[in-house]
C-alpha atoms as a PDB file:
ATOM      1  CA  MET A   1      52.438 -25.609 -78.316  1.00  0.00           C
ATOM      2  CA  THR A   2      52.442 -23.546 -75.124  1.00  0.00           C
ATOM      3  CA  ALA A   3      54.704 -23.749 -72.104  1.00  0.00           C
ATOM      4  CA  PRO A   4      53.460 -24.176 -68.513  1.00  0.00           C
ATOM      5  CA  LEU A   5      52.862 -20.949 -66.600  1.00  0.00           C
ATOM      6  CA  SER A   6      54.410 -20.635 -63.142  1.00  0.00           C
ATOM      7  CA  ILE A   7      52.311 -18.430 -60.856  1.00  0.00           C
ATOM      8  CA  ALA A   8      52.779 -17.046 -57.354  1.00  0.00           C
ATOM      9  CA  LEU A   9      49.726 -15.662 -55.521  1.00  0.00           C
ATOM     10  CA  VAL A  10      50.738 -13.538 -52.541  1.00  0.00           C
ATOM     11  CA  GLN A  11      48.074 -13.852 -49.836  1.00  0.00           C
ATOM     12  CA  THR A  12      48.977 -10.947 -47.569  1.00  0.00           C
ATOM     13  CA  ALA A  13      47.572  -7.927 -45.747  1.00  0.00           C
ATOM     14  CA  ALA A  14      47.181  -4.655 -47.595  1.00  0.00           C
ATOM     15  CA  ARG A  15      49.672  -1.810 -47.477  1.00  0.00           C
ATOM     16  CA  HIS A  16      48.362   1.434 -46.020  1.00  0.00           C
ATOM     17  CA  HIS A  17      47.532   3.944 -48.735  1.00  0.00           C
ATOM     18  CA  THR A  18      49.697   6.646 -47.127  1.00  0.00           C
ATOM     19  CA  ALA A  19      52.818   4.478 -47.316  1.00  0.00           C
ATOM     20  CA  GLU A  20      54.235   6.352 -50.284  1.00  0.00           C
ATOM     21  CA  ASP A  21      57.727   4.853 -49.998  1.00  0.00           C
ATOM     22  CA  PRO A  22      58.063   3.290 -53.456  1.00  0.00           C
ATOM     23  CA  ASP A  23      60.797   0.959 -52.238  1.00  0.00           C
ATOM     24  CA  ALA A  24      58.633  -0.858 -49.677  1.00  0.00           C
ATOM     25  CA  PHE A  25      56.324  -2.706 -52.055  1.00  0.00           C
ATOM     26  CA  ALA A  26      59.192  -3.218 -54.495  1.00  0.00           C
ATOM     27  CA  ALA A  27      61.171  -4.917 -51.712  1.00  0.00           C
ATOM     28  CA  ASP A  28      58.217  -7.246 -51.056  1.00  0.00           C
ATOM     29  CA  VAL A  29      58.000  -8.189 -54.726  1.00  0.00           C
ATOM     30  CA  ARG A  30      61.754  -8.745 -54.983  1.00  0.00           C
ATOM     31  CA  ARG A  31      61.691 -11.055 -51.941  1.00  0.00           C
ATOM     32  CA  VAL A  32      58.953 -13.194 -53.456  1.00  0.00           C
ATOM     33  CA  ALA A  33      60.647 -13.282 -56.864  1.00  0.00           C
ATOM     34  CA  GLU A  34      63.931 -14.314 -55.213  1.00  0.00           C
ATOM     35  CA  ALA A  35      62.238 -16.982 -53.100  1.00  0.00           C
ATOM     36  CA  TYR A  36      60.466 -18.437 -56.133  1.00  0.00           C
ATOM     37  CA  PRO A  37      62.906 -18.172 -59.040  1.00  0.00           C
ATOM     38  CA  GLY A  38      61.416 -18.881 -62.421  1.00  0.00           C
ATOM     39  CA  VAL A  39      57.961 -17.556 -61.545  1.00  0.00           C
ATOM     40  CA  HIS A  40      56.271 -16.036 -64.587  1.00  0.00           C
ATOM     41  CA  LEU A  41      53.264 -14.280 -63.061  1.00  0.00           C
ATOM     42  CA  LEU A  42      53.171 -12.676 -59.610  1.00  0.00           C
ATOM     43  CA  ALA A  43      49.898 -11.346 -58.195  1.00  0.00           C
ATOM     44  CA  TYR A  44      48.611  -9.534 -55.087  1.00  0.00           C
ATOM     45  CA  PRO A  45      45.063  -9.162 -53.673  1.00  0.00           C
ATOM     46  CA  GLU A  46      42.414  -6.536 -54.313  1.00  0.00           C
ATOM     47  CA  LEU A  47      43.397  -2.974 -53.317  1.00  0.00           C
ATOM     48  CA  HIS A  48      46.703  -4.216 -51.914  1.00  0.00           C
ATOM     49  CA  LEU A  49      48.363  -0.803 -52.290  1.00  0.00           C
ATOM     50  CA  CYS A  50      45.297   1.071 -51.011  1.00  0.00           C
ATOM     51  CA  GLY A  51      44.717  -0.319 -47.525  1.00  0.00           C
ATOM     52  CA  HIS A  52      43.112   1.566 -44.635  1.00  0.00           C
ATOM     53  CA  GLU A  53      42.810   1.321 -40.878  1.00  0.00           C
ATOM     54  CA  PRO A  54      39.490   0.155 -39.337  1.00  0.00           C
ATOM     55  CA  GLU A  55      38.697   3.625 -37.993  1.00  0.00           C
ATOM     56  CA  GLU A  56      39.282   5.351 -41.340  1.00  0.00           C
ATOM     57  CA  ASP A  57      36.426   6.392 -43.594  1.00  0.00           C
ATOM     58  CA  PRO A  58      36.632   4.135 -46.696  1.00  0.00           C
ATOM     59  CA  ALA A  59      35.281   6.895 -48.956  1.00  0.00           C
ATOM     60  CA  ALA A  60      37.950   9.333 -47.761  1.00  0.00           C
ATOM     61  CA  VAL A  61      40.643   6.692 -48.249  1.00  0.00           C
ATOM     62  CA  MET A  62      39.375   5.984 -51.746  1.00  0.00           C
ATOM     63  CA  THR A  63      39.652   9.667 -52.679  1.00  0.00           C
ATOM     64  CA  ALA A  64      43.074  10.064 -51.071  1.00  0.00           C
ATOM     65  CA  ALA A  65      44.531   6.950 -52.706  1.00  0.00           C
ATOM     66  CA  ALA A  66      43.151   7.456 -56.228  1.00  0.00           C
ATOM     67  CA  ARG A  67      45.765   8.089 -58.917  1.00  0.00           C
ATOM     68  CA  PRO A  68      45.749   8.020 -62.737  1.00  0.00           C
ATOM     69  CA  LEU A  69      47.125   4.724 -64.032  1.00  0.00           C
ATOM     70  CA  ASP A  70      49.801   6.538 -66.024  1.00  0.00           C
ATOM     71  CA  GLY A  71      51.066   8.539 -63.047  1.00  0.00           C
ATOM     72  CA  PRO A  72      54.163   7.961 -60.888  1.00  0.00           C
ATOM     73  CA  ARG A  73      52.670   4.880 -59.208  1.00  0.00           C
ATOM     74  CA  GLY A  74      52.127   3.190 -62.555  1.00  0.00           C
ATOM     75  CA  THR A  75      55.592   4.166 -63.742  1.00  0.00           C
ATOM     76  CA  ARG A  76      57.181   2.538 -60.677  1.00  0.00           C
ATOM     77  CA  LEU A  77      55.148  -0.644 -61.088  1.00  0.00           C
ATOM     78  CA  ALA A  78      56.040  -0.918 -64.766  1.00  0.00           C
ATOM     79  CA  ALA A  79      59.727  -0.455 -63.966  1.00  0.00           C
ATOM     80  CA  LEU A  80      59.533  -3.145 -61.271  1.00  0.00           C
ATOM     81  CA  ALA A  81      58.033  -5.678 -63.676  1.00  0.00           C
ATOM     82  CA  ARG A  82      60.734  -4.859 -66.211  1.00  0.00           C
ATOM     83  CA  GLU A  83      63.513  -5.118 -63.609  1.00  0.00           C
ATOM     84  CA  LEU A  84      62.398  -8.589 -62.501  1.00  0.00           C
ATOM     85  CA  GLY A  85      61.293  -9.799 -65.921  1.00  0.00           C
ATOM     86  CA  ILE A  86      57.878 -10.947 -64.668  1.00  0.00           C
ATOM     87  CA  TRP A  87      54.199 -10.462 -65.349  1.00  0.00           C
ATOM     88  CA  LEU A  88      53.136  -8.333 -62.377  1.00  0.00           C
ATOM     89  CA  VAL A  89      49.567  -7.915 -61.122  1.00  0.00           C
ATOM     90  CA  PRO A  90      50.037  -5.622 -58.081  1.00  0.00           C
ATOM     91  CA  GLY A  91      46.469  -6.136 -56.907  1.00  0.00           C
ATOM     92  CA  SER A  92      43.821  -3.623 -57.847  1.00  0.00           C
ATOM     93  CA  VAL A  93      44.240   0.089 -57.131  1.00  0.00           C
ATOM     94  CA  TYR A  94      42.014   3.115 -56.868  1.00  0.00           C
ATOM     95  CA  GLU A  95      42.198   4.689 -60.309  1.00  0.00           C
ATOM     96  CA  GLN A  96      41.391   8.338 -60.904  1.00  0.00           C
ATOM     97  CA  GLY A  97      39.663   8.112 -64.270  1.00  0.00           C
ATOM     98  CA  ALA A  98      39.871  10.774 -66.953  1.00  0.00           C
ATOM     99  CA  ASP A  99      36.091  11.133 -66.541  1.00  0.00           C
ATOM    100  CA  GLY A 100      36.561  12.347 -62.952  1.00  0.00           C
ATOM    101  CA  ARG A 101      35.259   9.133 -61.392  1.00  0.00           C
ATOM    102  CA  ILE A 102      37.206   6.680 -59.241  1.00  0.00           C
ATOM    103  CA  TYR A 103      37.435   3.019 -60.228  1.00  0.00           C
ATOM    104  CA  ASN A 104      38.690  -0.146 -58.547  1.00  0.00           C
ATOM    105  CA  THR A 105      41.118  -1.206 -61.273  1.00  0.00           C
ATOM    106  CA  ALA A 106      43.523  -4.116 -61.740  1.00  0.00           C
ATOM    107  CA  PRO A 107      46.509  -3.197 -63.943  1.00  0.00           C
ATOM    108  CA  VAL A 108      48.834  -5.794 -65.483  1.00  0.00           C
ATOM    109  CA  TYR A 109      52.479  -5.153 -66.368  1.00  0.00           C
ATOM    110  CA  SER A 110      54.506  -7.314 -68.743  1.00  0.00           C
ATOM    111  CA  PRO A 111      58.165  -8.379 -68.334  1.00  0.00           C
ATOM    112  CA  THR A 112      59.092  -5.561 -70.725  1.00  0.00           C
ATOM    113  CA  GLY A 113      57.531  -2.978 -68.404  1.00  0.00           C
ATOM    114  CA  GLU A 114      54.444  -2.317 -70.511  1.00  0.00           C
ATOM    115  CA  ARG A 115      50.978  -1.995 -68.981  1.00  0.00           C
ATOM    116  CA  VAL A 116      49.174  -4.526 -71.152  1.00  0.00           C
ATOM    117  CA  ALA A 117      45.773  -4.555 -69.443  1.00  0.00           C
ATOM    118  CA  ALA A 118      43.650  -2.671 -66.922  1.00  0.00           C
ATOM    119  CA  TYR A 119      40.347  -4.067 -65.657  1.00  0.00           C
ATOM    120  CA  ARG A 120      37.800  -1.915 -63.833  1.00  0.00           C
ATOM    121  CA  LYS A 121      35.628  -3.839 -61.360  1.00  0.00           C
ATOM    122  CA  ILE A 122      32.196  -4.237 -62.918  1.00  0.00           C
ATOM    123  CA  PHE A 123      30.320  -5.197 -59.740  1.00  0.00           C
ATOM    124  CA  PRO A 124      31.324  -3.078 -56.725  1.00  0.00           C
ATOM    125  CA  TRP A 125      29.963  -4.546 -53.471  1.00  0.00           C
ATOM    126  CA  ARG A 126      27.207  -1.993 -53.025  1.00  0.00           C
ATOM    127  CA  PRO A 127      26.198  -0.157 -50.892  1.00  0.00           C
ATOM    128  CA  HIS A 128      29.506  -0.658 -49.049  1.00  0.00           C
ATOM    129  CA  GLU A 129      31.735   0.179 -52.030  1.00  0.00           C
ATOM    130  CA  THR A 130      31.279   3.466 -53.829  1.00  0.00           C
ATOM    131  CA  THR A 131      33.679   3.173 -56.762  1.00  0.00           C
ATOM    132  CA  ALA A 132      32.259   3.644 -60.235  1.00  0.00           C
ATOM    133  CA  ALA A 133      31.453   0.439 -62.094  1.00  0.00           C
ATOM    134  CA  GLY A 134      33.536  -0.682 -65.039  1.00  0.00           C
ATOM    135  CA  SER A 135      31.897  -1.714 -68.290  1.00  0.00           C
ATOM    136  CA  SER A 136      34.375  -3.979 -70.125  1.00  0.00           C
ATOM    137  CA  PHE A 137      35.538  -7.580 -69.790  1.00  0.00           C
ATOM    138  CA  VAL A 138      39.323  -7.765 -70.020  1.00  0.00           C
ATOM    139  CA  VAL A 139      41.672 -10.547 -71.143  1.00  0.00           C
ATOM    140  CA  PHE A 140      45.363 -10.432 -72.010  1.00  0.00           C
ATOM    141  CA  ASP A 141      47.773 -12.839 -73.646  1.00  0.00           C
ATOM    142  CA  VAL A 142      50.808 -14.173 -71.796  1.00  0.00           C
ATOM    143  CA  ALA A 143      53.036 -14.913 -74.760  1.00  0.00           C
ATOM    144  CA  GLY A 144      53.913 -18.577 -75.068  1.00  0.00           C
ATOM    145  CA  HIS A 145      51.556 -19.638 -72.272  1.00  0.00           C
ATOM    146  CA  GLY A 146      47.923 -18.694 -72.888  1.00  0.00           C
ATOM    147  CA  ARG A 147      45.249 -16.113 -72.201  1.00  0.00           C
ATOM    148  CA  VAL A 148      44.280 -14.694 -68.799  1.00  0.00           C
ATOM    149  CA  GLY A 149      41.081 -12.919 -67.766  1.00  0.00           C
ATOM    150  CA  LEU A 150      40.627 -10.578 -64.804  1.00  0.00           C
ATOM    151  CA  THR A 151      37.887 -10.213 -62.208  1.00  0.00           C
ATOM    152  CA  ILE A 152      37.810  -8.459 -58.844  1.00  0.00           C
ATOM    153  CA  CYS A 153      36.200  -9.950 -55.741  1.00  0.00           C
ATOM    154  CA  TYR A 154      32.378  -9.589 -55.993  1.00  0.00           C
ATOM    155  CA  ASP A 155      32.529 -10.066 -59.774  1.00  0.00           C
ATOM    156  CA  ALA A 156      32.865 -13.804 -59.103  1.00  0.00           C
ATOM    157  CA  TRP A 157      29.303 -13.903 -57.745  1.00  0.00           C
ATOM    158  CA  PHE A 158      27.904 -12.969 -61.164  1.00  0.00           C
ATOM    159  CA  PRO A 159      28.187 -15.882 -63.631  1.00  0.00           C
ATOM    160  CA  GLU A 160      28.032 -13.565 -66.630  1.00  0.00           C
ATOM    161  CA  THR A 161      31.460 -12.174 -65.757  1.00  0.00           C
ATOM    162  CA  THR A 162      33.487 -15.372 -65.896  1.00  0.00           C
ATOM    163  CA  ARG A 163      31.389 -16.684 -68.795  1.00  0.00           C
ATOM    164  CA  HIS A 164      32.296 -13.683 -70.942  1.00  0.00           C
ATOM    165  CA  LEU A 165      35.992 -14.033 -70.148  1.00  0.00           C
ATOM    166  CA  ALA A 166      35.880 -17.703 -71.106  1.00  0.00           C
ATOM    167  CA  TRP A 167      33.998 -16.795 -74.289  1.00  0.00           C
ATOM    168  CA  GLN A 168      36.819 -14.329 -75.039  1.00  0.00           C
ATOM    169  CA  GLY A 169      39.250 -17.235 -74.805  1.00  0.00           C
ATOM    170  CA  ALA A 170      40.581 -16.951 -71.248  1.00  0.00           C
ATOM    171  CA  ASP A 171      42.338 -20.140 -70.128  1.00  0.00           C
ATOM    172  CA  LEU A 172      42.842 -18.764 -66.608  1.00  0.00           C
ATOM    173  CA  VAL A 173      40.683 -16.285 -64.715  1.00  0.00           C
ATOM    174  CA  LEU A 174      42.504 -14.391 -61.974  1.00  0.00           C
ATOM    175  CA  ASN A 175      40.076 -13.161 -59.302  1.00  0.00           C
ATOM    176  CA  LEU A 176      41.633 -10.570 -56.950  1.00  0.00           C
ATOM    177  CA  VAL A 177      39.833 -10.537 -53.605  1.00  0.00           C
ATOM    178  CA  ARG A 178      39.691  -8.679 -50.301  1.00  0.00           C
ATOM    179  CA  THR A 179      37.066 -10.577 -48.319  1.00  0.00           C
ATOM    180  CA  PRO A 180      37.194 -10.348 -44.491  1.00  0.00           C
ATOM    181  CA  THR A 181      33.683 -11.745 -44.065  1.00  0.00           C
ATOM    182  CA  ALA A 182      32.159 -15.186 -43.471  1.00  0.00           C
ATOM    183  CA  ASP A 183      31.021 -15.548 -47.085  1.00  0.00           C
ATOM    184  CA  ARG A 184      34.541 -16.525 -48.144  1.00  0.00           C
ATOM    185  CA  ALA A 185      33.247 -20.084 -47.689  1.00  0.00           C
ATOM    186  CA  GLN A 186      30.786 -19.472 -50.513  1.00  0.00           C
ATOM    187  CA  GLU A 187      33.464 -17.792 -52.649  1.00  0.00           C
ATOM    188  CA  VAL A 188      35.573 -20.948 -52.475  1.00  0.00           C
ATOM    189  CA  VAL A 189      32.611 -22.885 -53.867  1.00  0.00           C
ATOM    190  CA  LEU A 190      32.071 -20.224 -56.538  1.00  0.00           C
ATOM    191  CA  ALA A 191      35.683 -20.546 -57.677  1.00  0.00           C
ATOM    192  CA  GLN A 192      35.080 -24.246 -58.258  1.00  0.00           C
ATOM    193  CA  ALA A 193      31.705 -23.663 -59.892  1.00  0.00           C
ATOM    194  CA  ASN A 194      33.011 -20.970 -62.234  1.00  0.00           C
ATOM    195  CA  ALA A 195      35.861 -23.260 -63.250  1.00  0.00           C
ATOM    196  CA  ILE A 196      33.491 -26.157 -63.940  1.00  0.00           C
ATOM    197  CA  VAL A 197      30.759 -24.370 -65.901  1.00  0.00           C
ATOM    198  CA  ASN A 198      33.240 -22.364 -67.984  1.00  0.00           C
ATOM    199  CA  GLN A 199      36.033 -24.966 -68.261  1.00  0.00           C
ATOM    200  CA  VAL A 200      38.758 -22.536 -67.197  1.00  0.00           C
ATOM    201  CA  PHE A 201      41.430 -22.427 -64.528  1.00  0.00           C
ATOM    202  CA  MET A 202      40.345 -20.205 -61.624  1.00  0.00           C
ATOM    203  CA  ALA A 203      42.829 -18.511 -59.291  1.00  0.00           C
ATOM    204  CA  SER A 204      41.056 -16.737 -56.428  1.00  0.00           C
ATOM    205  CA  LEU A 205      43.528 -14.643 -54.423  1.00  0.00           C
ATOM    206  CA  ASN A 206      42.256 -13.243 -51.110  1.00  0.00           C
ATOM    207  CA  ALA A 207      43.998 -10.919 -48.660  1.00  0.00           C
ATOM    208  CA  ALA A 208      45.332 -12.101 -45.311  1.00  0.00           C
ATOM    209  CA  SER A 209      44.227 -10.788 -41.906  1.00  0.00           C
ATOM    210  CA  PRO A 210      43.164  -8.145 -41.028  1.00  0.00           C
ATOM    211  CA  ASP A 211      42.032  -7.259 -44.550  1.00  0.00           C
ATOM    212  CA  GLY A 212      40.859 -10.728 -45.541  1.00  0.00           C
ATOM    213  CA  VAL A 213      40.354 -14.242 -44.266  1.00  0.00           C
ATOM    214  CA  GLY A 214      42.688 -15.915 -46.751  1.00  0.00           C
ATOM    215  CA  ARG A 215      41.766 -19.283 -48.237  1.00  0.00           C
ATOM    216  CA  SER A 216      43.178 -18.396 -51.652  1.00  0.00           C
ATOM    217  CA  LEU A 217      42.940 -21.275 -54.109  1.00  0.00           C
ATOM    218  CA  VAL A 218      43.662 -22.528 -57.605  1.00  0.00           C
ATOM    219  CA  VAL A 219      41.081 -24.698 -59.374  1.00  0.00           C
ATOM    220  CA  ASP A 220      41.539 -26.607 -62.631  1.00  0.00           C
ATOM    221  CA  PRO A 221      39.069 -26.542 -65.576  1.00  0.00           C
ATOM    222  CA  GLU A 222      37.271 -29.636 -64.266  1.00  0.00           C
ATOM    223  CA  GLY A 223      36.742 -28.192 -60.789  1.00  0.00           C
ATOM    224  CA  HIS A 224      39.521 -29.927 -58.874  1.00  0.00           C
ATOM    225  CA  THR A 225      41.296 -27.785 -56.272  1.00  0.00           C
ATOM    226  CA  ARG A 226      44.992 -27.885 -57.148  1.00  0.00           C
ATOM    227  CA  ALA A 227      46.291 -25.699 -54.316  1.00  0.00           C
ATOM    228  CA  GLU A 228      44.768 -23.827 -51.368  1.00  0.00           C
ATOM    229  CA  ALA A 229      46.209 -21.466 -48.782  1.00  0.00           C
ATOM    230  CA  GLY A 230      45.201 -21.486 -45.146  1.00  0.00           C
ATOM    231  CA  PRO A 231      42.935 -18.992 -43.418  1.00  0.00           C
ATOM    232  CA  ARG A 232      44.001 -15.483 -42.434  1.00  0.00           C
ATOM    233  CA  ALA A 233      47.802 -15.825 -42.414  1.00  0.00           C
ATOM    234  CA  ASP A 234      50.347 -14.506 -44.917  1.00  0.00           C
ATOM    235  CA  GLU A 235      51.211 -17.188 -47.453  1.00  0.00           C
ATOM    236  CA  VAL A 236      52.485 -17.485 -51.015  1.00  0.00           C
ATOM    237  CA  LEU A 237      50.459 -19.960 -53.044  1.00  0.00           C
ATOM    238  CA  THR A 238      52.356 -21.329 -56.023  1.00  0.00           C
ATOM    239  CA  ASP A 239      51.431 -23.564 -58.927  1.00  0.00           C
ATOM    240  CA  VAL A 240      52.542 -24.382 -62.464  1.00  0.00           C
ATOM    241  CA  LEU A 241      49.625 -24.400 -64.896  1.00  0.00           C
ATOM    242  CA  ASP A 242      49.488 -25.926 -68.349  1.00  0.00           C
ATOM    243  CA  LEU A 243      46.874 -23.531 -69.719  1.00  0.00           C
ATOM    244  CA  ALA A 244      46.424 -25.727 -72.776  1.00  0.00           C
ATOM    245  CA  GLU A 245      44.526 -28.032 -70.414  1.00  0.00           C
ATOM    246  CA  ALA A 246      41.593 -25.598 -70.501  1.00  0.00           C
ATOM    247  CA  ARG A 247      41.439 -25.883 -74.273  1.00  0.00           C
ATOM    248  CA  ARG A 248      41.642 -29.666 -74.062  1.00  0.00           C
ATOM    249  CA  VAL A 249      38.732 -29.824 -71.600  1.00  0.00           C
ATOM    250  CA  ARG A 250      36.610 -27.586 -73.821  1.00  0.00           C
ATOM    251  CA  THR A 251      37.294 -29.807 -76.805  1.00  0.00           C
ATOM    252  CA  ARG A 252      37.127 -33.240 -75.154  1.00  0.00           C
ATOM    253  CA  GLY A 253      34.704 -32.437 -72.345  1.00  0.00           C
ATOM    254  CA  THR A 254      34.795 -32.394 -68.551  1.00  0.00           C
ATOM    255  CA  ALA A 255      35.608 -35.948 -67.463  1.00  0.00           C
ATOM    256  CA  GLY A 256      35.643 -36.665 -71.195  1.00  0.00           C
ATOM    257  CA  LEU A 257      31.890 -36.072 -71.324  1.00  0.00           C
ATOM    258  CA  THR A 258      30.513 -32.555 -70.918  1.00  0.00           C
ATOM    259  CA  ARG A 259      31.248 -29.969 -73.612  1.00  0.00           C
ATOM    260  CA  VAL A 260      29.575 -26.747 -72.532  1.00  0.00           C
ATOM    261  CA  TRP A 261      30.905 -24.822 -75.525  1.00  0.00           C
ATOM    262  CA  ASP A 262      29.286 -27.168 -78.036  1.00  0.00           C
ATOM    263  CA  PRO A 263      25.637 -27.658 -76.990  1.00  0.00           C
ATOM    264  CA  PHE A 264      23.993 -26.549 -80.221  1.00  0.00           C
ATOM    265  CA  GLU A 265      23.254 -28.254 -83.519  1.00  0.00           C
ATOM    266  CA  GLU A 266      23.334 -26.592 -86.922  1.00  0.00           C
ATOM    267  CA  GLY A 267      20.211 -24.547 -87.506  1.00  0.00           C
ATOM    268  CA  ASP A 268      19.136 -24.305 -83.844  1.00  0.00           C
ATOM    269  CA  THR A 269      16.914 -21.323 -83.084  1.00  0.00           C
ATOM    270  CA  PRO A 270      18.522 -18.541 -80.994  1.00  0.00           C
ATOM    271  CA  LEU A 271      17.574 -18.697 -77.312  1.00  0.00           C
ATOM    272  CA  GLU A 272      15.862 -15.550 -76.073  1.00  0.00           C
ATOM    273  CA  LEU A 273      17.122 -14.178 -72.736  1.00  0.00           C
ATOM    274  CA  PRO A 274      14.356 -11.921 -71.363  1.00  0.00           C
ATOM    275  CA  LEU A 275      16.418 -10.886 -68.324  1.00  0.00           C
ATOM    276  CA  TYR A 276      19.039  -9.311 -70.598  1.00  0.00           C
ATOM    277  CA  ALA A 277      16.734  -8.253 -73.450  1.00  0.00           C
ATOM    278  CA  GLY A 278      19.095 -10.291 -75.584  1.00  0.00           C
ATOM    279  CA  ARG A 279      19.723 -13.814 -76.811  1.00  0.00           C
ATOM    280  CA  ILE A 280      22.204 -16.656 -77.209  1.00  0.00           C
ATOM    281  CA  ASP A 281      22.936 -17.030 -80.895  1.00  0.00           C
ATOM    282  CA  PRO A 282      24.304 -20.564 -81.528  1.00  0.00           C
ATOM    283  CA  GLU A 283      26.729 -19.346 -84.183  1.00  0.00           C
ATOM    284  CA  ARG A 284      28.073 -16.552 -81.989  1.00  0.00           C
ATOM    285  CA  TRP A 285      28.372 -18.978 -79.046  1.00  0.00           C
ATOM    286  CA  ARG A 286      30.458 -21.367 -81.149  1.00  0.00           C
ATOM    287  CA  ARG A 287      32.840 -18.588 -82.224  1.00  0.00           C
ATOM    288  CA  GLY A 288      33.792 -17.983 -78.584  1.00  0.00           C
ATOM    289  CA  GLY A 289      35.591 -20.284 -76.195  1.00  0.00           C
ATOM    290  CA  ARG A 290      38.686 -20.553 -78.412  1.00  0.00           C
ATOM    291  CA  PRO A 291      38.727 -24.405 -78.330  1.00  0.00           C
END
């Protein structure tokens, strides 16, 4: 048995990367935690701590804001999660990797103050984004509630990303976004589509104006929109998710009918995938999805 997971998605504008006052963001987080007592997981949009002004060069900002995950910034974030006893996803940050490259990375801190996950964006929005691409799909377990997968903004446009997280057993996929452009309308549809074809909860958290156009939303494993924030303005979107519902839908089927994790019969021939120079092996497919 698992308990419902209370989430708060903070749709807000980014903080400027030069705002080094560690108390400012902490004060924001404390206000939200106080306003929504009992919240388990608190999340912010893509690059929330690494904002820039319109006239600034994004590449210069990226270099100036990049820090190792285990540096002072990470230490402060870990301490904040421990202080409040919450799962904290502070948005993604510019990470200075040990390999000398800069990544767009989403760290996750547990209520004990441990960094339990860090996901590097696999699909930067090129040519506009110049961060290095990550190479690993990342999930983490929220003890007593379920498993969460991470994606960042443009990742949601590539079905392979969410599919792999679902195959790794994610019940909820948290997509951190900073979209100021008109294609947010399509991203809303993609959140529903990714939820439907993978039978997972989707939480797509966009920034508010001027960094994003809002419209954050939570979608259930059958594609129904449970909650949606308005456009542009600051807003905290809350919901309480029974993540076991994702496992039920995978086992019983969408609308009691469609079971996308059980399409093969014993002895079926593997399906060749020329695009990937790979294949879908029925036995390997069945082992994923954690029904």
